[in-house]
Amino acid sequence: MVTDLMRGYVKETWVQDIDFSTLERVADSFISKDFREREDDIIWRVRWGSRWLYLYILLEFQSTIDQ
């Protein structure tokens, strides 16, 4: 799904250089600098040349309108 989202919606040339076979989910629970635990949305990382590229894709599904 992440691969399809990136290829289908991000119309930038650098997306062609991503090695989607290296796509992996990153831990989504962190301890902040002030030692508060927090949960985040799903984060992915993937190889982009010799570097890791972190993908933070925010999708919000709602059953009602947020006033």
Protein backbone atom coordinates (compact mmCIF):
# COMPACT_ATOMS: atom_id res chain seq x y z
CA MET A 1 0.00 0.00 0.00
CA VAL A 2 2.83 2.43 0.86
CA THR A 3 4.55 1.71 -2.44
CA ASP A 4 1.31 2.29 -4.35
CA LEU A 5 0.65 5.54 -2.47
CA MET A 6 4.12 6.89 -3.20
CA ARG A 7 4.15 5.88 -6.87
CA GLY A 8 0.55 6.91 -7.47
CA TYR A 9 0.42 10.26 -5.69
CA VAL A 10 3.94 11.67 -5.39
CA LYS A 11 4.77 12.97 -8.85
CA GLU A 12 8.43 13.77 -8.14
CA THR A 13 11.34 12.23 -10.04
CA TRP A 14 13.17 11.14 -6.85
CA VAL A 15 10.44 8.55 -6.16
CA GLN A 16 11.84 6.50 -9.06
CA ASP A 17 15.11 6.10 -7.11
CA ILE A 18 13.50 4.55 -4.02
CA ASP A 19 14.23 0.86 -3.43
CA PHE A 20 10.78 -0.24 -2.23
CA SER A 21 12.07 -3.77 -1.55
CA THR A 22 13.75 -2.30 1.57
CA LEU A 23 10.51 -0.80 2.94
CA GLU A 24 10.14 -1.51 6.65
CA ARG A 25 7.97 -0.21 9.47
CA VAL A 26 9.69 1.83 12.19
CA ALA A 27 8.71 1.73 15.85
CA ASP A 28 5.85 4.13 16.52
CA SER A 29 6.27 4.52 20.27
CA PHE A 30 8.82 7.02 21.52
CA ILE A 31 10.06 8.54 24.77
CA SER A 32 10.43 12.31 24.41
CA LYS A 33 13.29 14.41 25.79
CA ASP A 34 11.18 15.23 28.84
CA PHE A 35 10.55 11.47 29.36
CA ARG A 36 6.91 11.47 28.27
CA GLU A 37 5.82 8.42 26.35
CA ARG A 38 3.92 9.09 23.15
CA GLU A 39 2.39 7.13 20.32
CA ASP A 40 2.71 8.25 16.72
CA ASP A 41 1.17 7.29 13.44
CA ILE A 42 2.88 4.64 11.36
CA ILE A 43 6.34 5.57 10.11
CA TRP A 44 8.17 3.70 7.36
CA ARG A 45 11.76 3.78 6.18
CA VAL A 46 13.13 2.84 2.80
CA ARG A 47 16.50 3.03 1.04
CA TRP A 48 16.97 5.99 -1.25
CA GLY A 49 20.38 5.56 -2.82
CA SER A 50 22.85 5.08 0.05
CA ARG A 51 20.59 6.77 2.62
CA TRP A 52 17.52 5.85 4.62
CA LEU A 53 14.45 7.89 3.78
CA TYR A 54 11.76 8.09 6.46
CA LEU A 55 8.18 8.24 5.23
CA TYR A 56 5.59 9.71 7.52
CA ILE A 57 2.24 9.30 5.85
CA LEU A 58 -0.66 10.83 7.73
CA LEU A 59 -4.06 9.43 6.78
CA GLU A 60 -7.05 10.41 8.86
CA PHE A 61 -10.25 8.43 8.68
CA GLN A 62 -13.29 9.98 10.33
CA SER A 63 -16.82 8.76 10.78
CA THR A 64 -18.11 12.28 11.48
CA ILE A 65 -17.23 15.83 10.46
CA ASP A 66 -14.75 17.52 12.79
CA GLN A 67 -16.26 20.92 13.59
